[in-house]
Amino acid sequence: LRAERLGDNPGAIASFREVLAVAPHHAGALAALEALLSDEASRVEVARLLEPEFEAVGEHRKLAWTLQILLESTKQPEERRALALRL
């Protein structure tokens, strides 16, 4: 509701973070967050939330997608190297 009707992506992300804290790997929350990856302003934050979830459920293609987003947004050489190795 926050993301789709109110345009409140930060509020939606906060709500989904709470859902995942209570119900890890919640399919609805993961799908909604995945849809938010198209929003440039929140893309990195959402990728950081989704990365451990996709790893935990074995969604390797989606995990690679989030790692690529994080790699593209990172300037620190050490962090880039670690992300590239994981990817």
PDB file of N, CA and C in Angstrom:
ATOM      1  N   LEU A   1       0.826  -1.191   0.000  1.00  0.00           N
ATOM      2  CA  LEU A   1       0.000   0.000   0.000  1.00  0.00           C
ATOM      3  C   LEU A   1       0.873   1.258   0.000  1.00  0.00           C
ATOM      4  N   ARG A   2       1.891   1.259   0.860  1.00  0.00           N
ATOM      5  CA  ARG A   2       2.744   2.444   0.917  1.00  0.00           C
ATOM      6  C   ARG A   2       3.458   2.694  -0.404  1.00  0.00           C
ATOM      7  N   ALA A   3       3.991   1.645  -0.994  1.00  0.00           N
ATOM      8  CA  ALA A   3       4.744   1.814  -2.244  1.00  0.00           C
ATOM      9  C   ALA A   3       3.814   2.082  -3.422  1.00  0.00           C
ATOM     10  N   GLU A   4       2.779   1.267  -3.565  1.00  0.00           N
ATOM     11  CA  GLU A   4       1.941   1.341  -4.753  1.00  0.00           C
ATOM     12  C   GLU A   4       0.961   2.507  -4.745  1.00  0.00           C
ATOM     13  N   ARG A   5       0.317   2.746  -3.638  1.00  0.00           N
ATOM     14  CA  ARG A   5      -0.732   3.775  -3.599  1.00  0.00           C
ATOM     15  C   ARG A   5      -0.234   5.134  -3.103  1.00  0.00           C
ATOM     16  N   LEU A   6       0.696   5.100  -2.142  1.00  0.00           N
ATOM     17  CA  LEU A   6       1.145   6.359  -1.549  1.00  0.00           C
ATOM     18  C   LEU A   6       2.473   6.850  -2.108  1.00  0.00           C
ATOM     19  N   GLY A   7       3.159   6.004  -2.861  1.00  0.00           N
ATOM     20  CA  GLY A   7       4.466   6.398  -3.398  1.00  0.00           C
ATOM     21  C   GLY A   7       5.515   6.568  -2.314  1.00  0.00           C
ATOM     22  N   ASP A   8       5.310   5.918  -1.182  1.00  0.00           N
ATOM     23  CA  ASP A   8       6.214   6.030  -0.030  1.00  0.00           C
ATOM     24  C   ASP A   8       7.150   4.816   0.014  1.00  0.00           C
ATOM     25  N   ASN A   9       8.115   4.794  -0.889  1.00  0.00           N
ATOM     26  CA  ASN A   9       9.029   3.651  -0.928  1.00  0.00           C
ATOM     27  C   ASN A   9       9.842   3.491   0.352  1.00  0.00           C
ATOM     28  N   PRO A  10      10.371   4.565   0.942  1.00  0.00           N
ATOM     29  CA  PRO A  10      11.103   4.380   2.204  1.00  0.00           C
ATOM     30  C   PRO A  10      10.226   3.773   3.303  1.00  0.00           C
ATOM     31  N   GLY A  11       8.986   4.201   3.396  1.00  0.00           N
ATOM     32  CA  GLY A  11       8.065   3.637   4.375  1.00  0.00           C
ATOM     33  C   GLY A  11       7.746   2.177   4.078  1.00  0.00           C
ATOM     34  N   ALA A  12       7.598   1.861   2.795  1.00  0.00           N
ATOM     35  CA  ALA A  12       7.327   0.480   2.392  1.00  0.00           C
ATOM     36  C   ALA A  12       8.513  -0.409   2.733  1.00  0.00           C
ATOM     37  N   ILE A  13       9.712   0.063   2.472  1.00  0.00           N
ATOM     38  CA  ILE A  13      10.915  -0.722   2.774  1.00  0.00           C
ATOM     39  C   ILE A  13      11.013  -0.977   4.273  1.00  0.00           C
ATOM     40  N   ALA A  14      10.727   0.033   5.072  1.00  0.00           N
ATOM     41  CA  ALA A  14      10.750  -0.131   6.529  1.00  0.00           C
ATOM     42  C   ALA A  14       9.734  -1.186   6.963  1.00  0.00           C
ATOM     43  N   SER A  15       8.555  -1.159   6.367  1.00  0.00           N
ATOM     44  CA  SER A  15       7.533  -2.152   6.703  1.00  0.00           C
ATOM     45  C   SER A  15       7.964  -3.558   6.304  1.00  0.00           C
ATOM     46  N   PHE A  16       8.536  -3.694   5.122  1.00  0.00           N
ATOM     47  CA  PHE A  16       8.993  -5.010   4.675  1.00  0.00           C
ATOM     48  C   PHE A  16      10.152  -5.518   5.529  1.00  0.00           C
ATOM     49  N   ARG A  17      10.980  -4.603   5.986  1.00  0.00           N
ATOM     50  CA  ARG A  17      12.077  -4.987   6.894  1.00  0.00           C
ATOM     51  C   ARG A  17      11.497  -5.590   8.178  1.00  0.00           C
ATOM     52  N   GLU A  18      10.443  -4.980   8.689  1.00  0.00           N
ATOM     53  CA  GLU A  18       9.780  -5.501   9.889  1.00  0.00           C
ATOM     54  C   GLU A  18       9.156  -6.870   9.623  1.00  0.00           C
ATOM     55  N   VAL A  19       8.531  -7.020   8.477  1.00  0.00           N
ATOM     56  CA  VAL A  19       7.926  -8.308   8.123  1.00  0.00           C
ATOM     57  C   VAL A  19       8.998  -9.389   8.091  1.00  0.00           C
ATOM     58  N   LEU A  20      10.117  -9.102   7.450  1.00  0.00           N
ATOM     59  CA  LEU A  20      11.189 -10.094   7.336  1.00  0.00           C
ATOM     60  C   LEU A  20      11.832 -10.395   8.687  1.00  0.00           C
ATOM     61  N   ALA A  21      11.795  -9.453   9.612  1.00  0.00           N
ATOM     62  CA  ALA A  21      12.320  -9.710  10.953  1.00  0.00           C
ATOM     63  C   ALA A  21      11.429 -10.700  11.707  1.00  0.00           C
ATOM     64  N   VAL A  22      10.135 -10.618  11.451  1.00  0.00           N
ATOM     65  CA  VAL A  22       9.173 -11.499  12.118  1.00  0.00           C
ATOM     66  C   VAL A  22       9.008 -12.818  11.358  1.00  0.00           C
ATOM     67  N   ALA A  23       8.997 -12.731  10.031  1.00  0.00           N
ATOM     68  CA  ALA A  23       8.772 -13.909   9.188  1.00  0.00           C
ATOM     69  C   ALA A  23       9.831 -13.945   8.083  1.00  0.00           C
ATOM     70  N   PRO A  24      11.035 -14.416   8.419  1.00  0.00           N
ATOM     71  CA  PRO A  24      12.092 -14.468   7.403  1.00  0.00           C
ATOM     72  C   PRO A  24      11.638 -15.218   6.157  1.00  0.00           C
ATOM     73  N   HIS A  25      12.096 -14.734   5.021  1.00  0.00           N
ATOM     74  CA  HIS A  25      11.834 -15.353   3.717  1.00  0.00           C
ATOM     75  C   HIS A  25      10.368 -15.268   3.304  1.00  0.00           C
ATOM     76  N   HIS A  26       9.610 -14.336   3.863  1.00  0.00           N
ATOM     77  CA  HIS A  26       8.186 -14.172   3.522  1.00  0.00           C
ATOM     78  C   HIS A  26       8.076 -13.867   2.023  1.00  0.00           C
ATOM     79  N   ALA A  27       7.410 -14.757   1.307  1.00  0.00           N
ATOM     80  CA  ALA A  27       7.343 -14.667  -0.157  1.00  0.00           C
ATOM     81  C   ALA A  27       6.744 -13.351  -0.642  1.00  0.00           C
ATOM     82  N   GLY A  28       5.690 -12.884  -0.005  1.00  0.00           N
ATOM     83  CA  GLY A  28       5.058 -11.637  -0.421  1.00  0.00           C
ATOM     84  C   GLY A  28       5.970 -10.436  -0.228  1.00  0.00           C
ATOM     85  N   ALA A  29       6.654 -10.402   0.903  1.00  0.00           N
ATOM     86  CA  ALA A  29       7.582  -9.301   1.164  1.00  0.00           C
ATOM     87  C   ALA A  29       8.745  -9.326   0.182  1.00  0.00           C
ATOM     88  N   LEU A  30       9.262 -10.514  -0.098  1.00  0.00           N
ATOM     89  CA  LEU A  30      10.376 -10.632  -1.043  1.00  0.00           C
ATOM     90  C   LEU A  30       9.955 -10.174  -2.435  1.00  0.00           C
ATOM     91  N   ALA A  31       8.771 -10.571  -2.862  1.00  0.00           N
ATOM     92  CA  ALA A  31       8.283 -10.172  -4.186  1.00  0.00           C
ATOM     93  C   ALA A  31       8.080  -8.657  -4.262  1.00  0.00           C
ATOM     94  N   ALA A  32       7.526  -8.078  -3.226  1.00  0.00           N
ATOM     95  CA  ALA A  32       7.294  -6.630  -3.215  1.00  0.00           C
ATOM     96  C   ALA A  32       8.616  -5.872  -3.204  1.00  0.00           C
ATOM     97  N   LEU A  33       9.570  -6.356  -2.424  1.00  0.00           N
ATOM     98  CA  LEU A  33      10.890  -5.718  -2.404  1.00  0.00           C
ATOM     99  C   LEU A  33      11.577  -5.855  -3.758  1.00  0.00           C
ATOM    100  N   GLU A  34      11.448  -7.017  -4.350  1.00  0.00           N
ATOM    101  CA  GLU A  34      12.043  -7.237  -5.671  1.00  0.00           C
ATOM    102  C   GLU A  34      11.498  -6.218  -6.678  1.00  0.00           C
ATOM    103  N   ALA A  35      10.225  -5.913  -6.595  1.00  0.00           N
ATOM    104  CA  ALA A  35       9.624  -4.914  -7.485  1.00  0.00           C
ATOM    105  C   ALA A  35      10.222  -3.533  -7.251  1.00  0.00           C
ATOM    106  N   LEU A  36      10.648  -3.262  -6.019  1.00  0.00           N
ATOM    107  CA  LEU A  36      11.237  -1.958  -5.698  1.00  0.00           C
ATOM    108  C   LEU A  36      12.666  -1.809  -6.217  1.00  0.00           C
ATOM    109  N   LEU A  37      13.257  -2.881  -6.712  1.00  0.00           N
ATOM    110  CA  LEU A  37      14.609  -2.780  -7.278  1.00  0.00           C
ATOM    111  C   LEU A  37      14.641  -1.889  -8.513  1.00  0.00           C
ATOM    112  N   SER A  38      13.495  -1.638  -9.107  1.00  0.00           N
ATOM    113  CA  SER A  38      13.451  -0.760 -10.277  1.00  0.00           C
ATOM    114  C   SER A  38      13.540   0.714  -9.904  1.00  0.00           C
ATOM    115  N   ASP A  39      13.358   1.035  -8.632  1.00  0.00           N
ATOM    116  CA  ASP A  39      13.440   2.421  -8.163  1.00  0.00           C
ATOM    117  C   ASP A  39      14.893   2.759  -7.854  1.00  0.00           C
ATOM    118  N   GLU A  40      15.479   3.628  -8.659  1.00  0.00           N
ATOM    119  CA  GLU A  40      16.898   3.972  -8.500  1.00  0.00           C
ATOM    120  C   GLU A  40      17.219   4.522  -7.106  1.00  0.00           C
ATOM    121  N   ALA A  41      16.305   5.271  -6.524  1.00  0.00           N
ATOM    122  CA  ALA A  41      16.571   5.897  -5.232  1.00  0.00           C
ATOM    123  C   ALA A  41      16.690   4.885  -4.095  1.00  0.00           C
ATOM    124  N   SER A  42      16.006   3.759  -4.207  1.00  0.00           N
ATOM    125  CA  SER A  42      16.019   2.782  -3.112  1.00  0.00           C
ATOM    126  C   SER A  42      16.653   1.457  -3.503  1.00  0.00           C
ATOM    127  N   ARG A  43      17.161   1.360  -4.702  1.00  0.00           N
ATOM    128  CA  ARG A  43      17.688   0.119  -5.270  1.00  0.00           C
ATOM    129  C   ARG A  43      18.756  -0.539  -4.403  1.00  0.00           C
ATOM    130  N   VAL A  44      19.721   0.238  -3.924  1.00  0.00           N
ATOM    131  CA  VAL A  44      20.828  -0.328  -3.143  1.00  0.00           C
ATOM    132  C   VAL A  44      20.334  -0.808  -1.783  1.00  0.00           C
ATOM    133  N   GLU A  45      19.504  -0.018  -1.134  1.00  0.00           N
ATOM    134  CA  GLU A  45      18.961  -0.423   0.168  1.00  0.00           C
ATOM    135  C   GLU A  45      18.158  -1.716   0.042  1.00  0.00           C
ATOM    136  N   VAL A  46      17.356  -1.803  -1.001  1.00  0.00           N
ATOM    137  CA  VAL A  46      16.547  -3.003  -1.222  1.00  0.00           C
ATOM    138  C   VAL A  46      17.444  -4.196  -1.532  1.00  0.00           C
ATOM    139  N   ALA A  47      18.476  -3.987  -2.334  1.00  0.00           N
ATOM    140  CA  ALA A  47      19.411  -5.074  -2.652  1.00  0.00           C
ATOM    141  C   ALA A  47      20.089  -5.583  -1.388  1.00  0.00           C
ATOM    142  N   ARG A  48      20.425  -4.677  -0.475  1.00  0.00           N
ATOM    143  CA  ARG A  48      21.036  -5.101   0.796  1.00  0.00           C
ATOM    144  C   ARG A  48      20.075  -5.943   1.634  1.00  0.00           C
ATOM    145  N   LEU A  49      18.799  -5.627   1.570  1.00  0.00           N
ATOM    146  CA  LEU A  49      17.795  -6.416   2.292  1.00  0.00           C
ATOM    147  C   LEU A  49      17.580  -7.778   1.640  1.00  0.00           C
ATOM    148  N   LEU A  50      17.545  -7.788   0.330  1.00  0.00           N
ATOM    149  CA  LEU A  50      17.242  -9.019  -0.388  1.00  0.00           C
ATOM    150  C   LEU A  50      18.418  -9.989  -0.452  1.00  0.00           C
ATOM    151  N   GLU A  51      19.621  -9.472  -0.458  1.00  0.00           N
ATOM    152  CA  GLU A  51      20.812 -10.326  -0.621  1.00  0.00           C
ATOM    153  C   GLU A  51      20.857 -11.490   0.369  1.00  0.00           C
ATOM    154  N   PRO A  52      20.743 -11.263   1.677  1.00  0.00           N
ATOM    155  CA  PRO A  52      20.786 -12.416   2.590  1.00  0.00           C
ATOM    156  C   PRO A  52      19.557 -13.317   2.476  1.00  0.00           C
ATOM    157  N   GLU A  53      18.425 -12.738   2.109  1.00  0.00           N
ATOM    158  CA  GLU A  53      17.209 -13.536   1.946  1.00  0.00           C
ATOM    159  C   GLU A  53      17.351 -14.492   0.767  1.00  0.00           C
ATOM    160  N   PHE A  54      17.803 -13.971  -0.375  1.00  0.00           N
ATOM    161  CA  PHE A  54      17.973 -14.815  -1.551  1.00  0.00           C
ATOM    162  C   PHE A  54      19.046 -15.878  -1.318  1.00  0.00           C
ATOM    163  N   GLU A  55      20.070 -15.521  -0.582  1.00  0.00           N
ATOM    164  CA  GLU A  55      21.099 -16.513  -0.265  1.00  0.00           C
ATOM    165  C   GLU A  55      20.520 -17.627   0.607  1.00  0.00           C
ATOM    166  N   ALA A  56      19.733 -17.253   1.586  1.00  0.00           N
ATOM    167  CA  ALA A  56      19.165 -18.229   2.525  1.00  0.00           C
ATOM    168  C   ALA A  56      18.189 -19.192   1.852  1.00  0.00           C
ATOM    169  N   VAL A  57      17.439 -18.709   0.860  1.00  0.00           N
ATOM    170  CA  VAL A  57      16.448 -19.570   0.210  1.00  0.00           C
ATOM    171  C   VAL A  57      16.977 -20.228  -1.062  1.00  0.00           C
ATOM    172  N   GLY A  58      18.232 -19.963  -1.392  1.00  0.00           N
ATOM    173  CA  GLY A  58      18.842 -20.614  -2.546  1.00  0.00           C
ATOM    174  C   GLY A  58      18.410 -20.065  -3.893  1.00  0.00           C
ATOM    175  N   GLU A  59      18.005 -18.813  -3.922  1.00  0.00           N
ATOM    176  CA  GLU A  59      17.641 -18.152  -5.184  1.00  0.00           C
ATOM    177  C   GLU A  59      18.909 -17.573  -5.808  1.00  0.00           C
ATOM    178  N   HIS A  60      19.687 -18.402  -6.463  1.00  0.00           N
ATOM    179  CA  HIS A  60      21.016 -18.014  -6.920  1.00  0.00           C
ATOM    180  C   HIS A  60      21.005 -16.934  -7.999  1.00  0.00           C
ATOM    181  N   ARG A  61      20.080 -16.989  -8.920  1.00  0.00           N
ATOM    182  CA  ARG A  61      20.021 -15.938  -9.948  1.00  0.00           C
ATOM    183  C   ARG A  61      19.649 -14.588  -9.346  1.00  0.00           C
ATOM    184  N   LYS A  62      18.701 -14.621  -8.439  1.00  0.00           N
ATOM    185  CA  LYS A  62      18.297 -13.375  -7.791  1.00  0.00           C
ATOM    186  C   LYS A  62      19.398 -12.863  -6.866  1.00  0.00           C
ATOM    187  N   LEU A  63      20.096 -13.776  -6.221  1.00  0.00           N
ATOM    188  CA  LEU A  63      21.236 -13.387  -5.397  1.00  0.00           C
ATOM    189  C   LEU A  63      22.290 -12.704  -6.256  1.00  0.00           C
ATOM    190  N   ALA A  64      22.587 -13.282  -7.413  1.00  0.00           N
ATOM    191  CA  ALA A  64      23.566 -12.676  -8.324  1.00  0.00           C
ATOM    192  C   ALA A  64      23.110 -11.285  -8.757  1.00  0.00           C
ATOM    193  N   TRP A  65      21.821 -11.129  -8.985  1.00  0.00           N
ATOM    194  CA  TRP A  65      21.262  -9.840  -9.373  1.00  0.00           C
ATOM    195  C   TRP A  65      21.520  -8.798  -8.279  1.00  0.00           C
ATOM    196  N   THR A  66      21.234  -9.156  -7.031  1.00  0.00           N
ATOM    197  CA  THR A  66      21.447  -8.200  -5.941  1.00  0.00           C
ATOM    198  C   THR A  66      22.936  -7.925  -5.741  1.00  0.00           C
ATOM    199  N   LEU A  67      23.767  -8.939  -5.872  1.00  0.00           N
ATOM    200  CA  LEU A  67      25.209  -8.720  -5.737  1.00  0.00           C
ATOM    201  C   LEU A  67      25.724  -7.785  -6.823  1.00  0.00           C
ATOM    202  N   GLN A  68      25.202  -7.918  -8.029  1.00  0.00           N
ATOM    203  CA  GLN A  68      25.603  -7.030  -9.125  1.00  0.00           C
ATOM    204  C   GLN A  68      25.204  -5.587  -8.830  1.00  0.00           C
ATOM    205  N   ILE A  69      24.012  -5.402  -8.296  1.00  0.00           N
ATOM    206  CA  ILE A  69      23.565  -4.049  -7.927  1.00  0.00           C
ATOM    207  C   ILE A  69      24.498  -3.465  -6.877  1.00  0.00           C
ATOM    208  N   LEU A  70      24.827  -4.257  -5.863  1.00  0.00           N
ATOM    209  CA  LEU A  70      25.717  -3.780  -4.805  1.00  0.00           C
ATOM    210  C   LEU A  70      27.116  -3.502  -5.348  1.00  0.00           C
ATOM    211  N   LEU A  71      27.592  -4.340  -6.233  1.00  0.00           N
ATOM    212  CA  LEU A  71      28.911  -4.143  -6.828  1.00  0.00           C
ATOM    213  C   LEU A  71      28.959  -2.842  -7.623  1.00  0.00           C
ATOM    214  N   GLU A  72      27.934  -2.592  -8.408  1.00  0.00           N
ATOM    215  CA  GLU A  72      27.880  -1.368  -9.218  1.00  0.00           C
ATOM    216  C   GLU A  72      27.811  -0.107  -8.363  1.00  0.00           C
ATOM    217  N   SER A  73      27.278  -0.211  -7.170  1.00  0.00           N
ATOM    218  CA  SER A  73      27.102   0.977  -6.326  1.00  0.00           C
ATOM    219  C   SER A  73      28.253   1.214  -5.361  1.00  0.00           C
ATOM    220  N   THR A  74      29.173   0.275  -5.281  1.00  0.00           N
ATOM    221  CA  THR A  74      30.235   0.348  -4.283  1.00  0.00           C
ATOM    222  C   THR A  74      31.498   0.953  -4.880  1.00  0.00           C
ATOM    223  N   LYS A  75      32.092   1.869  -4.138  1.00  0.00           N
ATOM    224  CA  LYS A  75      33.328   2.511  -4.572  1.00  0.00           C
ATOM    225  C   LYS A  75      34.562   1.955  -3.847  1.00  0.00           C
ATOM    226  N   GLN A  76      34.355   1.362  -2.678  1.00  0.00           N
ATOM    227  CA  GLN A  76      35.470   0.855  -1.868  1.00  0.00           C
ATOM    228  C   GLN A  76      36.096  -0.370  -2.541  1.00  0.00           C
ATOM    229  N   PRO A  77      37.404  -0.340  -2.833  1.00  0.00           N
ATOM    230  CA  PRO A  77      38.060  -1.453  -3.528  1.00  0.00           C
ATOM    231  C   PRO A  77      37.935  -2.794  -2.801  1.00  0.00           C
ATOM    232  N   GLU A  78      38.079  -2.782  -1.500  1.00  0.00           N
ATOM    233  CA  GLU A  78      37.994  -4.040  -0.744  1.00  0.00           C
ATOM    234  C   GLU A  78      36.587  -4.633  -0.812  1.00  0.00           C
ATOM    235  N   GLU A  79      35.599  -3.776  -0.673  1.00  0.00           N
ATOM    236  CA  GLU A  79      34.213  -4.243  -0.737  1.00  0.00           C
ATOM    237  C   GLU A  79      33.868  -4.709  -2.149  1.00  0.00           C
ATOM    238  N   ARG A  80      34.366  -3.986  -3.160  1.00  0.00           N
ATOM    239  CA  ARG A  80      34.130  -4.390  -4.553  1.00  0.00           C
ATOM    240  C   ARG A  80      34.726  -5.760  -4.829  1.00  0.00           C
ATOM    241  N   ARG A  81      35.935  -5.974  -4.322  1.00  0.00           N
ATOM    242  CA  ARG A  81      36.600  -7.253  -4.524  1.00  0.00           C
ATOM    243  C   ARG A  81      35.803  -8.390  -3.875  1.00  0.00           C
ATOM    244  N   ALA A  82      35.361  -8.173  -2.645  1.00  0.00           N
ATOM    245  CA  ALA A  82      34.589  -9.192  -1.938  1.00  0.00           C
ATOM    246  C   ALA A  82      33.275  -9.500  -2.672  1.00  0.00           C
ATOM    247  N   LEU A  83      32.608  -8.470  -3.157  1.00  0.00           N
ATOM    248  CA  LEU A  83      31.356  -8.681  -3.893  1.00  0.00           C
ATOM    249  C   LEU A  83      31.620  -9.391  -5.218  1.00  0.00           C
ATOM    250  N   ALA A  84      32.682  -9.007  -5.903  1.00  0.00           N
ATOM    251  CA  ALA A  84      33.018  -9.642  -7.186  1.00  0.00           C
ATOM    252  C   ALA A  84      33.350 -11.122  -6.979  1.00  0.00           C
ATOM    253  N   LEU A  85      34.039 -11.435  -5.919  1.00  0.00           N
ATOM    254  CA  LEU A  85      34.359 -12.845  -5.641  1.00  0.00           C
ATOM    255  C   LEU A  85      33.089 -13.634  -5.335  1.00  0.00           C
ATOM    256  N   ARG A  86      32.189 -13.053  -4.598  1.00  0.00           N
ATOM    257  CA  ARG A  86      30.921 -13.741  -4.293  1.00  0.00           C
ATOM    258  C   ARG A  86      30.090 -13.920  -5.543  1.00  0.00           C
ATOM    259  N   LEU A  87      30.111 -12.904  -6.394  1.00  0.00           N
ATOM    260  CA  LEU A  87      29.336 -12.970  -7.622  1.00  0.00           C
ATOM    261  C   LEU A  87      29.882 -14.057  -8.524  1.00  0.00           C
TER     262      LEU A  87
END
